[in-house]
Amino acid sequence: MVHIVFILDEISKKEVILFEQSSSKEISFYSYLTKKNYNKNELSHNGEVEKVCLSAFGNTKLDVTKEISQGLKAKPVKGFHFSTNIISLIAYSLKSDEIKDKYLTSFFNNSSLTNQFIITQIFDNYSISQSKEKETVFDQLISEIVINKDFKKSEGIILQAFQQVTDLIELFVVRFAYEQMILQHPNTNIEIKYNELSKKFNQLISSTKRKINRKVNLIVIVFGVILIPAIPYLIKLKWDDWELEPIITGITISISITSFIFIVLFNSNPSWSKFIKTFKNWLLKKWFSRRNIDIEKLKQLTNYNE
């Protein structure tokens, strides 16, 4: 049997790489397929297709009636129509039964085994064709896992498939095959316990971050409440006694010069918000390091999303 932890770890590493290379539409679709939220940022509303994908895979309350109507009227042009891309077509089909009947069935019948498999993961009323020609290693993997249920033969194919993964849909096929294979393994509880442990650790990280954020924010607010009235009062009270005019003038000029140097040399604009965020992250690392836990390694192992 393929080593469970090895495959799981490699899939997680591959996810990180592909997330950097993939569009927000592709990441949102992968999140929808895996039922996990990997979205760092929401899809933009620039373009009809992106808006429909956002509505289908994320913000389901977003009204896309106009976009669906325009999609039904538009004539299919290869490369320029939503029906030529599996992700866009699935998004439109989720929002419109008319589009599903008009375009998805035809697309499904003429698709590869891999695309047919992806569609069956979203829509229950489609079934993979058992006589479909296997064009790629991903088609072969789906055939052995889903159709033939030959998990022994799949062991030799899954590593080959993983080495050829170039996008998130292909990675999902490998992930699905891996999950089906470990269900046949006597040590299935390893995966279950790993997922439970990951969930608990992610909850611990999130709750600790919230506590740190609350404490730091409270300290900043208290200092602000005290200093905002106190500083003007002190300056007015001690303006002449302490000869503050040249000191304050000098400090103002120094801060301006220092900020200018930072901007020119480091192409950055120092801000309190960045400083406070960095300080919070430092406190989080410190909290875990006192307990002999490497927080960065823990985030990587548990697929923690900020």
C-alpha atoms as a PDB file:
ATOM      1  CA  MET A   1       0.000   0.000   0.000  1.00  0.00           C
ATOM      2  CA  VAL A   2       1.273   3.498  -0.856  1.00  0.00           C
ATOM      3  CA  HIS A   3       2.510   5.191   2.298  1.00  0.00           C
ATOM      4  CA  ILE A   4      -0.452   7.196   3.621  1.00  0.00           C
ATOM      5  CA  VAL A   5       1.382  10.050   5.307  1.00  0.00           C
ATOM      6  CA  PHE A   6       3.759  10.459   2.349  1.00  0.00           C
ATOM      7  CA  ILE A   7       0.937  10.867  -0.177  1.00  0.00           C
ATOM      8  CA  LEU A   8      -1.035  13.192   2.103  1.00  0.00           C
ATOM      9  CA  ASP A   9       2.012  15.375   2.722  1.00  0.00           C
ATOM     10  CA  GLU A  10       2.862  15.535  -0.992  1.00  0.00           C
ATOM     11  CA  ILE A  11      -0.718  16.515  -1.922  1.00  0.00           C
ATOM     12  CA  SER A  12      -0.582  19.353   0.625  1.00  0.00           C
ATOM     13  CA  LYS A  13       2.718  20.606  -0.776  1.00  0.00           C
ATOM     14  CA  LYS A  14       1.395  20.413  -4.334  1.00  0.00           C
ATOM     15  CA  GLU A  15      -1.693  22.393  -3.314  1.00  0.00           C
ATOM     16  CA  VAL A  16       0.465  25.270  -2.087  1.00  0.00           C
ATOM     17  CA  ILE A  17       2.382  25.362  -5.390  1.00  0.00           C
ATOM     18  CA  LEU A  18      -0.750  25.199  -7.553  1.00  0.00           C
ATOM     19  CA  PHE A  19      -2.560  27.857  -5.496  1.00  0.00           C
ATOM     20  CA  GLU A  20       0.226  30.267  -6.459  1.00  0.00           C
ATOM     21  CA  GLN A  21      -0.187  29.402 -10.153  1.00  0.00           C
ATOM     22  CA  SER A  22      -3.994  29.186 -10.345  1.00  0.00           C
ATOM     23  CA  SER A  23      -6.655  31.820 -10.889  1.00  0.00           C
ATOM     24  CA  SER A  24      -9.114  32.727  -8.134  1.00  0.00           C
ATOM     25  CA  LYS A  25     -11.829  31.018 -10.196  1.00  0.00           C
ATOM     26  CA  GLU A  26      -9.881  27.741 -10.209  1.00  0.00           C
ATOM     27  CA  ILE A  27      -9.146  27.945  -6.470  1.00  0.00           C
ATOM     28  CA  SER A  28     -12.813  28.648  -5.703  1.00  0.00           C
ATOM     29  CA  PHE A  29     -13.873  25.639  -7.752  1.00  0.00           C
ATOM     30  CA  TYR A  30     -11.318  23.427  -6.005  1.00  0.00           C
ATOM     31  CA  SER A  31     -12.643  24.673  -2.664  1.00  0.00           C
ATOM     32  CA  TYR A  32     -16.169  23.808  -3.798  1.00  0.00           C
ATOM     33  CA  LEU A  33     -15.094  20.306  -4.868  1.00  0.00           C
ATOM     34  CA  THR A  34     -13.159  19.550  -1.675  1.00  0.00           C
ATOM     35  CA  LYS A  35     -15.672  21.357   0.584  1.00  0.00           C
ATOM     36  CA  LYS A  36     -12.785  23.277   2.162  1.00  0.00           C
ATOM     37  CA  ASN A  37     -12.245  27.015   2.096  1.00  0.00           C
ATOM     38  CA  TYR A  38      -8.943  27.747   0.380  1.00  0.00           C
ATOM     39  CA  ASN A  39      -9.952  31.206  -0.846  1.00  0.00           C
ATOM     40  CA  LYS A  40      -7.619  33.960   0.355  1.00  0.00           C
ATOM     41  CA  ASN A  41      -9.534  36.578  -1.584  1.00  0.00           C
ATOM     42  CA  GLU A  42     -12.962  36.664  -3.137  1.00  0.00           C
ATOM     43  CA  LEU A  43     -13.333  36.518  -6.905  1.00  0.00           C
ATOM     44  CA  SER A  44     -13.525  39.948  -8.457  1.00  0.00           C
ATOM     45  CA  HIS A  45     -16.707  41.099 -10.161  1.00  0.00           C
ATOM     46  CA  ASN A  46     -14.815  42.010 -13.314  1.00  0.00           C
ATOM     47  CA  GLY A  47     -16.592  40.080 -16.048  1.00  0.00           C
ATOM     48  CA  GLU A  48     -19.812  38.125 -16.304  1.00  0.00           C
ATOM     49  CA  VAL A  49     -18.180  34.678 -16.036  1.00  0.00           C
ATOM     50  CA  GLU A  50     -16.233  35.558 -12.865  1.00  0.00           C
ATOM     51  CA  LYS A  51     -19.379  36.915 -11.240  1.00  0.00           C
ATOM     52  CA  VAL A  52     -21.344  33.732 -12.007  1.00  0.00           C
ATOM     53  CA  CYS A  53     -18.468  31.597 -10.661  1.00  0.00           C
ATOM     54  CA  LEU A  54     -18.416  33.665  -7.468  1.00  0.00           C
ATOM     55  CA  SER A  55     -22.172  33.188  -7.092  1.00  0.00           C
ATOM     56  CA  ALA A  56     -21.987  29.437  -7.764  1.00  0.00           C
ATOM     57  CA  PHE A  57     -18.919  28.514  -5.711  1.00  0.00           C
ATOM     58  CA  GLY A  58     -18.911  31.115  -2.957  1.00  0.00           C
ATOM     59  CA  ASN A  59     -21.383  33.923  -2.446  1.00  0.00           C
ATOM     60  CA  THR A  60     -24.609  32.109  -3.350  1.00  0.00           C
ATOM     61  CA  LYS A  61     -26.729  35.177  -2.525  1.00  0.00           C
ATOM     62  CA  LEU A  62     -25.140  37.181  -5.339  1.00  0.00           C
ATOM     63  CA  ASP A  63     -27.771  37.890  -8.015  1.00  0.00           C
ATOM     64  CA  VAL A  64     -26.623  36.772 -11.488  1.00  0.00           C
ATOM     65  CA  THR A  65     -29.995  36.767 -13.250  1.00  0.00           C
ATOM     66  CA  LYS A  66     -28.742  39.271 -15.810  1.00  0.00           C
ATOM     67  CA  GLU A  67     -25.541  37.314 -16.503  1.00  0.00           C
ATOM     68  CA  ILE A  68     -27.453  34.035 -16.935  1.00  0.00           C
ATOM     69  CA  SER A  69     -29.854  35.695 -19.357  1.00  0.00           C
ATOM     70  CA  GLN A  70     -26.967  37.104 -21.387  1.00  0.00           C
ATOM     71  CA  GLY A  71     -25.264  33.695 -21.359  1.00  0.00           C
ATOM     72  CA  LEU A  72     -28.353  32.046 -22.833  1.00  0.00           C
ATOM     73  CA  LYS A  73     -28.490  34.610 -25.624  1.00  0.00           C
ATOM     74  CA  ALA A  74     -24.795  34.510 -26.501  1.00  0.00           C
ATOM     75  CA  LYS A  75     -23.692  32.219 -29.320  1.00  0.00           C
ATOM     76  CA  PRO A  76     -20.951  29.699 -28.431  1.00  0.00           C
ATOM     77  CA  VAL A  77     -17.559  30.780 -29.760  1.00  0.00           C
ATOM     78  CA  LYS A  78     -14.641  28.514 -28.956  1.00  0.00           C
ATOM     79  CA  GLY A  79     -12.416  30.121 -26.348  1.00  0.00           C
ATOM     80  CA  PHE A  80     -14.809  33.016 -25.740  1.00  0.00           C
ATOM     81  CA  HIS A  81     -17.926  31.304 -24.392  1.00  0.00           C
ATOM     82  CA  PHE A  82     -18.533  29.964 -20.889  1.00  0.00           C
ATOM     83  CA  SER A  83     -19.637  26.590 -22.318  1.00  0.00           C
ATOM     84  CA  THR A  84     -16.109  25.831 -23.601  1.00  0.00           C
ATOM     85  CA  ASN A  85     -14.599  25.757 -20.094  1.00  0.00           C
ATOM     86  CA  ILE A  86     -15.596  23.060 -17.603  1.00  0.00           C
ATOM     87  CA  ILE A  87     -15.377  25.310 -14.533  1.00  0.00           C
ATOM     88  CA  SER A  88     -17.403  28.134 -16.068  1.00  0.00           C
ATOM     89  CA  LEU A  89     -19.943  25.711 -17.528  1.00  0.00           C
ATOM     90  CA  ILE A  90     -20.468  24.003 -14.169  1.00  0.00           C
ATOM     91  CA  ALA A  91     -20.910  27.406 -12.498  1.00  0.00           C
ATOM     92  CA  TYR A  92     -23.550  28.475 -15.034  1.00  0.00           C
ATOM     93  CA  SER A  93     -25.259  25.065 -14.802  1.00  0.00           C
ATOM     94  CA  LEU A  94     -25.481  25.350 -11.026  1.00  0.00           C
ATOM     95  CA  LYS A  95     -27.289  28.653 -11.431  1.00  0.00           C
ATOM     96  CA  SER A  96     -29.524  27.684 -14.379  1.00  0.00           C
ATOM     97  CA  ASP A  97     -31.246  24.386 -15.237  1.00  0.00           C
ATOM     98  CA  GLU A  98     -31.860  25.730 -18.742  1.00  0.00           C
ATOM     99  CA  ILE A  99     -28.133  26.164 -19.333  1.00  0.00           C
ATOM    100  CA  LYS A 100     -27.483  22.775 -17.791  1.00  0.00           C
ATOM    101  CA  ASP A 101     -29.889  21.112 -20.253  1.00  0.00           C
ATOM    102  CA  LYS A 102     -28.713  23.185 -23.195  1.00  0.00           C
ATOM    103  CA  TYR A 103     -24.940  22.909 -22.808  1.00  0.00           C
ATOM    104  CA  LEU A 104     -23.797  20.586 -20.002  1.00  0.00           C
ATOM    105  CA  THR A 105     -25.235  17.309 -21.319  1.00  0.00           C
ATOM    106  CA  SER A 106     -23.595  17.771 -24.716  1.00  0.00           C
ATOM    107  CA  PHE A 107     -20.309  18.766 -23.059  1.00  0.00           C
ATOM    108  CA  PHE A 108     -20.482  15.716 -20.778  1.00  0.00           C
ATOM    109  CA  ASN A 109     -21.070  13.248 -23.624  1.00  0.00           C
ATOM    110  CA  ASN A 110     -18.083  14.566 -25.567  1.00  0.00           C
ATOM    111  CA  SER A 111     -15.736  14.959 -22.587  1.00  0.00           C
ATOM    112  CA  SER A 112     -12.818  12.912 -21.351  1.00  0.00           C
ATOM    113  CA  LEU A 113     -13.296  10.455 -18.507  1.00  0.00           C
ATOM    114  CA  THR A 114     -11.669  12.984 -16.151  1.00  0.00           C
ATOM    115  CA  ASN A 115     -14.114  15.761 -17.045  1.00  0.00           C
ATOM    116  CA  GLN A 116     -17.038  13.347 -16.799  1.00  0.00           C
ATOM    117  CA  PHE A 117     -15.856  12.365 -13.334  1.00  0.00           C
ATOM    118  CA  ILE A 118     -15.630  16.009 -12.218  1.00  0.00           C
ATOM    119  CA  ILE A 119     -19.158  16.699 -13.446  1.00  0.00           C
ATOM    120  CA  THR A 120     -20.523  13.650 -11.590  1.00  0.00           C
ATOM    121  CA  GLN A 121     -19.040  15.059  -8.385  1.00  0.00           C
ATOM    122  CA  ILE A 122     -21.314  18.102  -8.746  1.00  0.00           C
ATOM    123  CA  PHE A 123     -24.435  16.691 -10.414  1.00  0.00           C
ATOM    124  CA  ASP A 124     -26.093  13.441  -9.328  1.00  0.00           C
ATOM    125  CA  ASN A 125     -27.962  12.783 -12.579  1.00  0.00           C
ATOM    126  CA  TYR A 126     -24.819  12.040 -14.629  1.00  0.00           C
ATOM    127  CA  SER A 127     -22.942   8.726 -14.758  1.00  0.00           C
ATOM    128  CA  ILE A 128     -19.448   8.019 -16.051  1.00  0.00           C
ATOM    129  CA  SER A 129     -19.307   6.132 -19.344  1.00  0.00           C
ATOM    130  CA  GLN A 130     -17.690   2.742 -18.751  1.00  0.00           C
ATOM    131  CA  SER A 131     -16.774   2.404 -22.431  1.00  0.00           C
ATOM    132  CA  LYS A 132     -15.053   5.781 -22.621  1.00  0.00           C
ATOM    133  CA  GLU A 133     -11.532   5.699 -24.026  1.00  0.00           C
ATOM    134  CA  LYS A 134      -8.819   6.346 -21.453  1.00  0.00           C
ATOM    135  CA  GLU A 135      -6.701   9.126 -22.918  1.00  0.00           C
ATOM    136  CA  THR A 136      -4.575  10.138 -19.905  1.00  0.00           C
ATOM    137  CA  VAL A 137      -3.169   8.639 -16.715  1.00  0.00           C
ATOM    138  CA  PHE A 138      -5.922  10.491 -14.824  1.00  0.00           C
ATOM    139  CA  ASP A 139      -8.530   8.735 -16.974  1.00  0.00           C
ATOM    140  CA  GLN A 140      -6.830   5.417 -16.132  1.00  0.00           C
ATOM    141  CA  LEU A 141      -6.871   6.220 -12.418  1.00  0.00           C
ATOM    142  CA  ILE A 142     -10.585   7.095 -12.508  1.00  0.00           C
ATOM    143  CA  SER A 143     -11.331   3.935 -14.462  1.00  0.00           C
ATOM    144  CA  GLU A 144      -9.619   1.710 -11.894  1.00  0.00           C
ATOM    145  CA  ILE A 145     -10.950   3.545  -8.815  1.00  0.00           C
ATOM    146  CA  VAL A 146     -14.514   4.425  -9.843  1.00  0.00           C
ATOM    147  CA  ILE A 147     -15.436   1.848 -12.510  1.00  0.00           C
ATOM    148  CA  ASN A 148     -13.349  -1.276 -11.869  1.00  0.00           C
ATOM    149  CA  LYS A 149     -12.808  -0.786  -8.113  1.00  0.00           C
ATOM    150  CA  ASP A 150      -9.335  -2.263  -8.599  1.00  0.00           C
ATOM    151  CA  PHE A 151      -7.503  -0.551  -5.743  1.00  0.00           C
ATOM    152  CA  LYS A 152      -4.467  -2.787  -6.021  1.00  0.00           C
ATOM    153  CA  LYS A 153      -3.861  -1.742  -9.610  1.00  0.00           C
ATOM    154  CA  SER A 154      -4.524   1.879  -8.636  1.00  0.00           C
ATOM    155  CA  GLU A 155      -1.510   1.878  -6.336  1.00  0.00           C
ATOM    156  CA  GLY A 156       0.835   1.796  -9.305  1.00  0.00           C
ATOM    157  CA  ILE A 157      -1.088   4.477 -11.193  1.00  0.00           C
ATOM    158  CA  ILE A 158      -1.595   7.065  -8.446  1.00  0.00           C
ATOM    159  CA  LEU A 159       2.090   7.958  -8.090  1.00  0.00           C
ATOM    160  CA  GLN A 160       2.439   8.240 -11.856  1.00  0.00           C
ATOM    161  CA  ALA A 161      -0.647  10.460 -11.957  1.00  0.00           C
ATOM    162  CA  PHE A 162       0.617  12.618  -9.104  1.00  0.00           C
ATOM    163  CA  GLN A 163       3.892  13.254 -10.944  1.00  0.00           C
ATOM    164  CA  GLN A 164       1.920  14.563 -13.946  1.00  0.00           C
ATOM    165  CA  VAL A 165      -0.399  16.913 -12.028  1.00  0.00           C
ATOM    166  CA  THR A 166      -0.396  20.398 -13.575  1.00  0.00           C
ATOM    167  CA  ASP A 167      -3.661  21.916 -12.313  1.00  0.00           C
ATOM    168  CA  LEU A 168      -6.114  21.713  -9.419  1.00  0.00           C
ATOM    169  CA  ILE A 169      -8.634  19.509 -11.241  1.00  0.00           C
ATOM    170  CA  GLU A 170      -5.956  16.861 -11.818  1.00  0.00           C
ATOM    171  CA  LEU A 171      -4.885  17.201  -8.181  1.00  0.00           C
ATOM    172  CA  PHE A 172      -8.488  16.659  -7.089  1.00  0.00           C
ATOM    173  CA  VAL A 173      -8.586  13.401  -9.088  1.00  0.00           C
ATOM    174  CA  VAL A 174      -5.450  12.203  -7.278  1.00  0.00           C
ATOM    175  CA  ARG A 175      -6.847  13.341  -3.917  1.00  0.00           C
ATOM    176  CA  PHE A 176     -10.136  11.519  -4.543  1.00  0.00           C
ATOM    177  CA  ALA A 177      -8.306   8.339  -5.592  1.00  0.00           C
ATOM    178  CA  TYR A 178      -6.096   8.527  -2.524  1.00  0.00           C
ATOM    179  CA  GLU A 179      -9.105   8.929  -0.216  1.00  0.00           C
ATOM    180  CA  GLN A 180     -10.851   5.940  -1.810  1.00  0.00           C
ATOM    181  CA  MET A 181      -7.725   3.803  -1.508  1.00  0.00           C
ATOM    182  CA  ILE A 182      -7.201   4.449   2.191  1.00  0.00           C
ATOM    183  CA  LEU A 183     -10.831   3.505   2.849  1.00  0.00           C
ATOM    184  CA  GLN A 184      -9.851   0.007   1.728  1.00  0.00           C
ATOM    185  CA  HIS A 185      -6.824  -0.037   4.000  1.00  0.00           C
ATOM    186  CA  PRO A 186      -6.961  -1.515   7.518  1.00  0.00           C
ATOM    187  CA  ASN A 187      -5.322   1.650   8.875  1.00  0.00           C
ATOM    188  CA  THR A 188      -8.071   3.989   7.678  1.00  0.00           C
ATOM    189  CA  ASN A 189      -8.322   5.363  11.215  1.00  0.00           C
ATOM    190  CA  ILE A 190      -4.949   7.030  10.669  1.00  0.00           C
ATOM    191  CA  GLU A 191      -6.528   9.438   8.171  1.00  0.00           C
ATOM    192  CA  ILE A 192      -9.557  10.045  10.371  1.00  0.00           C
ATOM    193  CA  LYS A 193      -7.401  10.760  13.422  1.00  0.00           C
ATOM    194  CA  TYR A 194      -5.069  12.949  11.361  1.00  0.00           C
ATOM    195  CA  ASN A 195      -7.997  15.052  10.109  1.00  0.00           C
ATOM    196  CA  GLU A 196      -9.430  15.343  13.616  1.00  0.00           C
ATOM    197  CA  LEU A 197      -6.042  16.375  14.979  1.00  0.00           C
ATOM    198  CA  SER A 198      -5.581  18.921  12.177  1.00  0.00           C
ATOM    199  CA  LYS A 199      -9.006  20.389  12.910  1.00  0.00           C
ATOM    200  CA  LYS A 200      -8.235  20.683  16.637  1.00  0.00           C
ATOM    201  CA  PHE A 201      -4.864  22.327  15.980  1.00  0.00           C
ATOM    202  CA  ASN A 202      -6.427  24.793  13.517  1.00  0.00           C
ATOM    203  CA  GLN A 203      -9.042  25.670  16.132  1.00  0.00           C
ATOM    204  CA  LEU A 204      -6.252  26.178  18.687  1.00  0.00           C
ATOM    205  CA  ILE A 205      -4.312  28.473  16.338  1.00  0.00           C
ATOM    206  CA  SER A 206      -7.439  30.494  15.498  1.00  0.00           C
ATOM    207  CA  SER A 207      -8.575  30.854  19.117  1.00  0.00           C
ATOM    208  CA  THR A 208      -5.067  31.862  20.239  1.00  0.00           C
ATOM    209  CA  LYS A 209      -4.886  34.463  17.461  1.00  0.00           C
ATOM    210  CA  ARG A 210      -8.252  35.882  18.524  1.00  0.00           C
ATOM    211  CA  LYS A 211      -7.118  36.152  22.158  1.00  0.00           C
ATOM    212  CA  ILE A 212      -3.872  37.889  21.147  1.00  0.00           C
ATOM    213  CA  ASN A 213      -5.750  40.235  18.792  1.00  0.00           C
ATOM    214  CA  ARG A 214      -8.221  41.197  21.522  1.00  0.00           C
ATOM    215  CA  LYS A 215      -5.484  41.872  24.087  1.00  0.00           C
ATOM    216  CA  VAL A 216      -3.263  43.871  21.715  1.00  0.00           C
ATOM    217  CA  ASN A 217      -6.226  45.840  20.361  1.00  0.00           C
ATOM    218  CA  LEU A 218      -7.363  46.626  23.903  1.00  0.00           C
ATOM    219  CA  ILE A 219      -3.875  47.829  24.864  1.00  0.00           C
ATOM    220  CA  VAL A 220      -3.671  50.037  21.761  1.00  0.00           C
ATOM    221  CA  ILE A 221      -7.127  51.502  22.452  1.00  0.00           C
ATOM    222  CA  VAL A 222      -6.295  52.200  26.133  1.00  0.00           C
ATOM    223  CA  PHE A 223      -3.000  53.875  25.186  1.00  0.00           C
ATOM    224  CA  GLY A 224      -4.829  55.884  22.540  1.00  0.00           C
ATOM    225  CA  VAL A 225      -7.522  57.021  24.943  1.00  0.00           C
ATOM    226  CA  ILE A 226      -4.864  58.087  27.464  1.00  0.00           C
ATOM    227  CA  LEU A 227      -2.315  59.639  25.099  1.00  0.00           C
ATOM    228  CA  ILE A 228      -4.645  61.564  22.772  1.00  0.00           C
ATOM    229  CA  PRO A 229      -5.775  64.043  25.471  1.00  0.00           C
ATOM    230  CA  ALA A 230      -2.629  63.727  27.594  1.00  0.00           C
ATOM    231  CA  ILE A 231      -0.052  64.741  24.987  1.00  0.00           C
ATOM    232  CA  PRO A 232      -1.696  68.078  24.006  1.00  0.00           C
ATOM    233  CA  TYR A 233      -2.265  68.869  27.689  1.00  0.00           C
ATOM    234  CA  LEU A 234       1.371  68.122  28.583  1.00  0.00           C
ATOM    235  CA  ILE A 235       2.710  70.138  25.642  1.00  0.00           C
ATOM    236  CA  LYS A 236       0.563  73.125  26.587  1.00  0.00           C
ATOM    237  CA  LEU A 237       1.546  72.825  30.262  1.00  0.00           C
ATOM    238  CA  LYS A 238       5.296  72.442  29.684  1.00  0.00           C
ATOM    239  CA  TRP A 239       5.751  74.369  26.423  1.00  0.00           C
ATOM    240  CA  ASP A 240       7.816  77.149  27.930  1.00  0.00           C
ATOM    241  CA  ASP A 241       9.334  75.341  30.923  1.00  0.00           C
ATOM    242  CA  TRP A 242      10.777  72.515  28.807  1.00  0.00           C
ATOM    243  CA  GLU A 243      11.418  74.633  25.717  1.00  0.00           C
ATOM    244  CA  LEU A 244       9.461  72.164  23.621  1.00  0.00           C
ATOM    245  CA  GLU A 245       9.235  74.186  20.423  1.00  0.00           C
ATOM    246  CA  PRO A 246      12.712  73.294  19.057  1.00  0.00           C
ATOM    247  CA  ILE A 247      12.408  69.683  20.285  1.00  0.00           C
ATOM    248  CA  ILE A 248       9.033  69.037  18.616  1.00  0.00           C
ATOM    249  CA  THR A 249      10.182  70.779  15.450  1.00  0.00           C
ATOM    250  CA  GLY A 250      13.313  68.610  15.373  1.00  0.00           C
ATOM    251  CA  ILE A 251      11.349  65.405  15.962  1.00  0.00           C
ATOM    252  CA  THR A 252       8.889  66.292  13.180  1.00  0.00           C
ATOM    253  CA  ILE A 253      11.733  66.921  10.712  1.00  0.00           C
ATOM    254  CA  SER A 254      13.544  63.724  11.785  1.00  0.00           C
ATOM    255  CA  ILE A 255      10.448  61.571  11.309  1.00  0.00           C
ATOM    256  CA  SER A 256       9.885  63.062   7.844  1.00  0.00           C
ATOM    257  CA  ILE A 257      13.512  62.431   6.794  1.00  0.00           C
ATOM    258  CA  THR A 258      13.505  58.882   8.228  1.00  0.00           C
ATOM    259  CA  SER A 259      10.238  58.030   6.438  1.00  0.00           C
ATOM    260  CA  PHE A 260      11.664  59.387   3.178  1.00  0.00           C
ATOM    261  CA  ILE A 261      14.808  57.241   3.569  1.00  0.00           C
ATOM    262  CA  PHE A 262      12.707  54.116   4.184  1.00  0.00           C
ATOM    263  CA  ILE A 263      10.576  54.814   1.135  1.00  0.00           C
ATOM    264  CA  VAL A 264      13.593  55.436  -1.144  1.00  0.00           C
ATOM    265  CA  LEU A 265      15.863  52.656   0.109  1.00  0.00           C
ATOM    266  CA  PHE A 266      13.365  49.923   0.934  1.00  0.00           C
ATOM    267  CA  ASN A 267      10.439  50.902  -1.295  1.00  0.00           C
ATOM    268  CA  SER A 268       8.153  50.738   1.707  1.00  0.00           C
ATOM    269  CA  ASN A 269       6.015  53.059   3.718  1.00  0.00           C
ATOM    270  CA  PRO A 270       6.249  52.287   7.451  1.00  0.00           C
ATOM    271  CA  SER A 271       2.846  52.072   9.058  1.00  0.00           C
ATOM    272  CA  TRP A 272       1.554  51.329  12.519  1.00  0.00           C
ATOM    273  CA  SER A 273      -0.901  48.743  11.171  1.00  0.00           C
ATOM    274  CA  LYS A 274       1.932  46.673   9.672  1.00  0.00           C
ATOM    275  CA  PHE A 275       3.952  47.041  12.864  1.00  0.00           C
ATOM    276  CA  ILE A 276       1.026  45.895  15.033  1.00  0.00           C
ATOM    277  CA  LYS A 277       0.281  42.952  12.705  1.00  0.00           C
ATOM    278  CA  THR A 278       3.937  41.884  12.835  1.00  0.00           C
ATOM    279  CA  PHE A 279       3.881  42.221  16.616  1.00  0.00           C
ATOM    280  CA  LYS A 280       0.759  40.042  16.866  1.00  0.00           C
ATOM    281  CA  ASN A 281       2.369  37.349  14.692  1.00  0.00           C
ATOM    282  CA  TRP A 282       5.467  37.496  16.873  1.00  0.00           C
ATOM    283  CA  LEU A 283       3.331  36.995  19.997  1.00  0.00           C
ATOM    284  CA  LEU A 284       1.592  34.026  18.348  1.00  0.00           C
ATOM    285  CA  LYS A 285       4.919  32.370  17.513  1.00  0.00           C
ATOM    286  CA  LYS A 286       6.166  33.106  21.025  1.00  0.00           C
ATOM    287  CA  TRP A 287       3.063  31.539  22.586  1.00  0.00           C
ATOM    288  CA  PHE A 288       3.594  28.283  20.688  1.00  0.00           C
ATOM    289  CA  SER A 289       7.403  28.256  21.011  1.00  0.00           C
ATOM    290  CA  ARG A 290       7.047  28.367  24.812  1.00  0.00           C
ATOM    291  CA  ARG A 291       5.194  25.076  24.391  1.00  0.00           C
ATOM    292  CA  ASN A 292       7.930  23.670  22.093  1.00  0.00           C
ATOM    293  CA  ILE A 293       5.688  23.871  18.998  1.00  0.00           C
ATOM    294  CA  ASP A 294       6.877  25.144  15.610  1.00  0.00           C
ATOM    295  CA  ILE A 295       3.829  27.159  14.524  1.00  0.00           C
ATOM    296  CA  GLU A 296       4.957  27.476  10.872  1.00  0.00           C
ATOM    297  CA  LYS A 297       5.478  23.739  10.526  1.00  0.00           C
ATOM    298  CA  LEU A 298       2.156  23.112  12.273  1.00  0.00           C
ATOM    299  CA  LYS A 299       0.329  25.410   9.819  1.00  0.00           C
ATOM    300  CA  GLN A 300       1.915  23.591   6.896  1.00  0.00           C
ATOM    301  CA  LEU A 301       1.025  20.114   8.188  1.00  0.00           C
ATOM    302  CA  THR A 302      -2.576  21.033   9.005  1.00  0.00           C
ATOM    303  CA  ASN A 303      -3.237  23.145   5.867  1.00  0.00           C
ATOM    304  CA  TYR A 304      -4.098  26.095   8.093  1.00  0.00           C
ATOM    305  CA  ASN A 305      -5.706  29.007   6.194  1.00  0.00           C
ATOM    306  CA  GLU A 306      -5.255  32.523   7.584  1.00  0.00           C
END
